[in-house]
Amino acid sequence: MKYTRKNFLKLMGVGTLAATSVTCKAASATTQAGQTGHSLKLGLASYSLRELSLDETLVVCNRLGIKHIALKSMHLPLDSSVSVIKSTAEKVRESGLDLYGAGVIYMKSEAEVNNAFAYAQAAGIGVIIGVPNHDLLPLVERKVKETDIKLAIHNHGPGDEVYPSPESVYEKIKNLDERIGLCIDIGHTFRIGLDPVQETKKYKNRLYDIHLKDVNKRGGEGTPEEFGHGIMNIPAYLKALQEIKYTGVVGLEYEKNGKDPVPGLAESIGYANGVIDTLNM
């Protein structure tokens, strides 16, 4: 079953949504707490706009009402000087965005770990979404303690030999500093045959970021879709986030149509906000 907006409303027993609930501008503020007494913060993984420049990305975020963003390296290169990192971060924040995170950042050497944390410090970022090699986790823990910057390790699903699932992350970090946690990518989690709702509830105490997406099938052949066009139960997932009182950013990652992402991204934001507004009724 596809979890389209129409089907979701039928499941929830709601006949209609107010027109404003699916407008892109609805993403401009933290969604209001509903029956669970908890609000969610929708944001964006800037990889969604990977073919756009930083300036173009800021314009799109303003148009779509996005208020929280995690930058990928094409928008702020990892080898940038401290002055460039600081000025770019200031530019992003002056545009009205909360620059809360960076990533996904891969760390395959000690130099890359050190650089990632220096980069995040210079940008004033509170969480790195990263993929450190297993043997580098002791160094990562030291950097987390030194900087008080959280690391959310991202799982990549079928074919990933480092962190394919949320469990594979947790088993490596469960005895490390609690500021080392998970970025659960619900699409990759679903493709590997797991239930993102159950995985999120299981690891809620170490959940520091989320990549929210829809895909069209399980397994390695599953590819991204606009929200509501795939087969994932996004409404159930967003409801679960409210229930566990998730306090981080719900980072939309729209990976389809890299060269023309805005229409599909806008549709996906509208879908997510419509679901949340309905859950809040």
Protein backbone atom coordinates (compact mmCIF):
# COMPACT_ATOMS: atom_id res chain seq x y z
CA MET A 1 0.00 0.00 0.00
CA LYS A 2 1.25 3.45 -0.86
CA TYR A 3 0.92 5.89 2.02
CA THR A 4 -0.46 8.75 -0.02
CA ARG A 5 -2.00 11.75 1.68
CA LYS A 6 -5.46 10.49 0.68
CA ASN A 7 -4.87 7.03 2.14
CA PHE A 8 -3.36 8.49 5.28
CA LEU A 9 -6.43 10.62 5.89
CA LYS A 10 -8.64 7.57 5.48
CA LEU A 11 -6.53 5.65 7.98
CA MET A 12 -6.68 8.51 10.47
CA GLY A 13 -10.41 8.97 10.01
CA VAL A 14 -10.00 12.59 8.95
CA GLY A 15 -11.96 13.85 5.96
CA THR A 16 -9.82 16.78 4.98
CA LEU A 17 -6.89 18.99 5.85
CA ALA A 18 -6.97 22.74 5.99
CA ALA A 19 -5.34 24.12 2.88
CA THR A 20 -2.55 25.65 4.90
CA SER A 21 -1.46 22.31 6.29
CA VAL A 22 0.11 21.23 3.03
CA THR A 23 1.61 24.49 1.89
CA CYS A 24 5.37 24.59 1.81
CA LYS A 25 5.40 27.66 4.00
CA ALA A 26 3.99 25.53 6.80
CA ALA A 27 7.54 24.24 7.31
CA SER A 28 8.66 27.68 8.44
CA ALA A 29 8.09 27.02 12.12
CA THR A 30 8.36 24.15 14.53
CA THR A 31 5.16 22.17 14.24
CA GLN A 32 2.83 22.74 17.16
CA ALA A 33 2.44 20.09 19.80
CA GLY A 34 -0.67 18.01 19.38
CA GLN A 35 -2.18 15.11 21.28
CA THR A 36 1.26 13.89 22.36
CA GLY A 37 2.16 17.29 23.80
CA HIS A 38 5.33 17.35 21.71
CA SER A 39 6.45 19.30 18.66
CA LEU A 40 8.74 18.27 15.81
CA LYS A 41 11.31 20.38 13.98
CA LEU A 42 11.42 19.75 10.24
CA GLY A 43 14.68 20.58 8.55
CA LEU A 44 16.75 19.74 5.48
CA ALA A 45 19.83 17.71 4.66
CA SER A 46 21.41 20.02 2.08
CA TYR A 47 22.45 17.01 -0.03
CA SER A 48 18.86 17.28 -1.29
CA LEU A 49 20.01 20.37 -3.22
CA ARG A 50 23.42 19.00 -4.19
CA GLU A 51 23.36 20.39 -7.74
CA LEU A 52 22.58 23.91 -6.49
CA SER A 53 25.06 26.45 -5.18
CA LEU A 54 24.92 27.57 -1.57
CA ASP A 55 23.29 30.86 -2.59
CA GLU A 56 20.65 28.99 -4.59
CA THR A 57 20.12 26.62 -1.68
CA LEU A 58 19.46 29.51 0.70
CA VAL A 59 16.91 30.97 -1.72
CA VAL A 60 15.12 27.63 -2.00
CA CYS A 61 15.06 27.19 1.77
CA ASN A 62 13.50 30.62 2.15
CA ARG A 63 10.91 29.89 -0.54
CA LEU A 64 9.95 26.57 1.05
CA GLY A 65 9.95 27.86 4.61
CA ILE A 66 12.79 25.61 5.79
CA LYS A 67 14.33 26.81 9.05
CA HIS A 68 16.85 24.10 10.00
CA ILE A 69 19.66 22.78 7.82
CA ALA A 70 22.63 20.41 7.92
CA LEU A 71 25.19 21.30 5.27
CA LYS A 72 26.88 18.77 3.02
CA SER A 73 30.41 19.44 1.78
CA MET A 74 29.37 20.67 -1.68
CA HIS A 75 27.85 23.67 0.09
CA LEU A 76 30.72 24.15 2.55
CA PRO A 77 33.84 22.19 1.52
CA LEU A 78 35.60 20.29 4.28
CA ASP A 79 38.98 21.74 3.29
CA SER A 80 37.81 25.35 3.66
CA SER A 81 39.85 27.72 5.81
CA VAL A 82 38.57 28.63 9.26
CA SER A 83 37.73 32.13 8.05
CA VAL A 84 35.71 30.78 5.12
CA ILE A 85 33.88 28.30 7.35
CA LYS A 86 32.98 31.04 9.83
CA SER A 87 31.86 33.51 7.19
CA THR A 88 29.80 30.87 5.39
CA ALA A 89 28.13 29.78 8.62
CA GLU A 90 27.34 33.41 9.40
CA LYS A 91 25.85 33.85 5.93
CA VAL A 92 23.62 30.81 6.40
CA ARG A 93 22.39 32.03 9.77
CA GLU A 94 21.83 35.57 8.54
CA SER A 95 19.52 34.10 5.90
CA GLY A 96 17.28 32.91 8.72
CA LEU A 97 18.42 29.29 8.91
CA ASP A 98 19.45 27.34 11.97
CA LEU A 99 22.72 25.71 10.87
CA TYR A 100 22.53 22.83 13.30
CA GLY A 101 24.62 20.13 11.63
CA ALA A 102 27.01 18.99 8.93
CA GLY A 103 27.23 15.80 6.96
CA VAL A 104 27.33 13.13 6.00
CA ILE A 105 31.09 13.34 6.71
CA TYR A 106 33.17 10.22 6.11
CA MET A 107 36.16 9.66 8.41
CA LYS A 108 38.67 7.09 7.22
CA SER A 109 41.80 8.48 8.88
CA GLU A 110 42.83 10.31 12.04
CA ALA A 111 43.35 13.45 9.97
CA GLU A 112 39.77 13.27 8.70
CA VAL A 113 38.41 12.88 12.24
CA ASN A 114 40.41 15.86 13.47
CA ASN A 115 39.37 17.93 10.47
CA ALA A 116 35.68 17.09 10.88
CA PHE A 117 35.60 18.31 14.47
CA ALA A 118 37.66 21.42 13.69
CA TYR A 119 35.27 22.17 10.82
CA ALA A 120 32.22 21.77 13.06
CA GLN A 121 33.78 23.93 15.77
CA ALA A 122 34.56 26.72 13.33
CA ALA A 123 30.99 26.61 11.99
CA GLY A 124 29.44 26.56 15.46
CA ILE A 125 27.68 23.30 14.67
CA GLY A 126 26.31 21.09 17.43
CA VAL A 127 26.12 17.75 15.65
CA ILE A 128 28.18 15.99 13.00
CA ILE A 129 26.36 13.43 10.89
CA GLY A 130 29.22 11.09 10.14
CA VAL A 131 30.61 7.70 9.22
CA PRO A 132 33.87 7.03 11.08
CA ASN A 133 35.74 3.80 10.48
CA HIS A 134 35.41 1.43 13.43
CA ASP A 135 39.07 1.69 14.41
CA LEU A 136 38.75 5.46 14.72
CA LEU A 137 35.98 5.41 17.33
CA PRO A 138 38.37 5.87 20.30
CA LEU A 139 39.69 9.06 18.67
CA VAL A 140 36.14 10.16 17.88
CA GLU A 141 35.22 9.72 21.54
CA ARG A 142 38.17 11.88 22.61
CA LYS A 143 37.14 14.61 20.17
CA VAL A 144 33.54 14.50 21.39
CA LYS A 145 34.74 14.96 24.96
CA GLU A 146 37.09 17.80 23.96
CA THR A 147 34.57 19.74 21.89
CA ASP A 148 31.15 18.76 23.30
CA ILE A 149 30.01 18.22 19.69
CA LYS A 150 27.71 15.24 19.17
CA LEU A 151 28.36 12.66 16.48
CA ALA A 152 25.34 11.00 14.87
CA ILE A 153 26.53 7.95 12.94
CA HIS A 154 24.58 7.39 9.74
CA ASN A 155 23.53 3.92 8.53
CA HIS A 156 23.57 3.23 4.79
CA GLY A 157 21.57 0.03 4.30
CA PRO A 158 22.17 -2.81 1.83
CA GLY A 159 25.75 -3.08 0.61
CA ASP A 160 27.23 -0.95 3.40
CA GLU A 161 29.92 -2.92 5.22
CA VAL A 162 30.56 -0.30 7.92
CA TYR A 163 27.16 0.68 9.34
CA PRO A 164 24.31 -0.94 7.37
CA SER A 165 21.71 -0.78 10.15
CA PRO A 166 20.95 1.19 13.31
CA GLU A 167 21.89 -1.88 15.35
CA SER A 168 25.30 -2.05 13.67
CA VAL A 169 25.90 1.52 14.84
CA TYR A 170 24.62 0.97 18.36
CA GLU A 171 26.70 -2.15 18.97
CA LYS A 172 29.86 -0.17 18.23
CA ILE A 173 29.00 2.89 20.34
CA LYS A 174 26.86 1.61 23.22
CA ASN A 175 29.76 1.76 25.70
CA LEU A 176 31.16 5.04 24.40
CA ASP A 177 30.37 8.60 25.47
CA GLU A 178 26.62 9.17 25.22
CA ARG A 179 27.18 12.12 22.89
CA ILE A 180 28.04 9.55 20.21
CA GLY A 181 24.75 8.31 18.81
CA LEU A 182 22.77 7.63 15.66
CA CYS A 183 21.44 9.34 12.58
CA ILE A 184 18.80 6.86 11.47
CA ASP A 185 18.22 7.04 7.74
CA ILE A 186 14.73 5.60 7.52
CA GLY A 187 15.00 4.82 3.81
CA HIS A 188 18.17 2.77 4.17
CA THR A 189 16.76 1.14 7.30
CA PHE A 190 13.61 0.14 5.42
CA ARG A 191 15.57 -1.13 2.40
CA ILE A 192 17.60 -3.47 4.59
CA GLY A 193 14.36 -5.08 5.79
CA LEU A 194 13.88 -3.38 9.16
CA ASP A 195 10.99 -1.34 10.53
CA PRO A 196 12.15 2.27 10.99
CA VAL A 197 9.50 2.83 13.68
CA GLN A 198 10.75 -0.03 15.82
CA GLU A 199 14.41 0.83 15.24
CA THR A 200 13.79 4.43 16.27
CA LYS A 201 11.97 3.43 19.44
CA LYS A 202 14.71 0.93 20.28
CA TYR A 203 17.51 3.49 20.06
CA LYS A 204 15.62 6.64 21.05
CA ASN A 205 18.04 7.51 23.85
CA ARG A 206 20.95 7.82 21.42
CA LEU A 207 19.08 9.32 18.46
CA TYR A 208 20.58 12.69 17.45
CA ASP A 209 19.51 13.10 13.82
CA ILE A 210 17.17 11.61 11.24
CA HIS A 211 17.14 11.41 7.47
CA LEU A 212 13.50 11.27 6.43
CA LYS A 213 12.73 9.92 2.96
CA ASP A 214 10.44 7.67 0.94
CA VAL A 215 11.52 4.78 -1.29
CA ASN A 216 9.73 2.56 -3.81
CA LYS A 217 10.86 -0.92 -2.72
CA ARG A 218 12.91 -2.87 -0.21
CA GLY A 219 16.37 -4.21 -0.94
CA GLY A 220 19.31 -2.78 -2.82
CA GLU A 221 17.16 -1.83 -5.81
CA GLY A 222 14.94 0.53 -3.82
CA THR A 223 15.20 4.14 -5.02
CA PRO A 224 13.97 7.47 -3.64
CA GLU A 225 10.53 8.93 -4.35
CA GLU A 226 8.59 12.04 -3.48
CA PHE A 227 6.91 11.57 -0.10
CA GLY A 228 3.68 9.65 -0.54
CA HIS A 229 4.76 8.14 -3.87
CA GLY A 230 6.80 5.35 -2.29
CA ILE A 231 5.78 2.51 -0.02
CA MET A 232 7.07 3.70 3.35
CA ASN A 233 4.71 4.48 6.21
CA ILE A 234 5.93 8.00 6.89
CA PRO A 235 2.80 8.91 8.92
CA ALA A 236 3.50 6.08 11.38
CA TYR A 237 7.12 7.18 11.63
CA LEU A 238 6.31 10.82 12.37
CA LYS A 239 3.76 9.69 14.94
CA ALA A 240 6.44 7.57 16.60
CA LEU A 241 8.78 10.57 16.79
CA GLN A 242 6.09 12.53 18.60
CA GLU A 243 5.49 9.63 20.97
CA ILE A 244 9.16 9.30 21.95
CA LYS A 245 9.41 13.10 22.27
CA TYR A 246 12.29 13.34 19.82
CA THR A 247 14.02 16.71 20.29
CA GLY A 248 16.39 16.78 17.32
CA VAL A 249 15.75 17.93 13.78
CA VAL A 250 13.76 15.74 11.39
CA GLY A 251 16.01 16.17 8.37
CA LEU A 252 14.24 15.70 5.06
CA GLU A 253 16.60 14.17 2.50
CA TYR A 254 15.14 14.28 -0.99
CA GLU A 255 17.50 12.37 -3.28
CA LYS A 256 15.45 12.15 -6.47
CA ASN A 257 15.91 14.54 -9.42
CA GLY A 258 19.17 16.12 -8.32
CA LYS A 259 19.20 18.53 -11.25
CA ASP A 260 15.63 19.73 -10.66
CA PRO A 261 14.87 18.99 -7.01
CA VAL A 262 12.60 21.85 -5.99
CA PRO A 263 9.19 20.55 -7.17
CA GLY A 264 9.64 17.14 -5.53
CA LEU A 265 11.16 18.65 -2.41
CA ALA A 266 8.27 21.08 -2.10
CA GLU A 267 5.77 18.24 -2.48
CA SER A 268 7.59 16.19 0.16
CA ILE A 269 7.70 19.06 2.64
CA GLY A 270 4.00 19.67 2.10
CA TYR A 271 3.26 15.99 2.64
CA ALA A 272 5.27 15.84 5.88
CA ASN A 273 3.67 18.97 7.27
CA GLY A 274 0.21 17.77 6.29
CA VAL A 275 0.78 14.52 8.17
CA ILE A 276 2.03 16.31 11.26
CA ASP A 277 -0.85 18.77 11.22
CA THR A 278 -3.26 15.84 11.03
CA LEU A 279 -1.53 14.05 13.90
CA ASN A 280 -1.91 17.26 15.91
CA MET A 281 -5.68 17.44 15.45
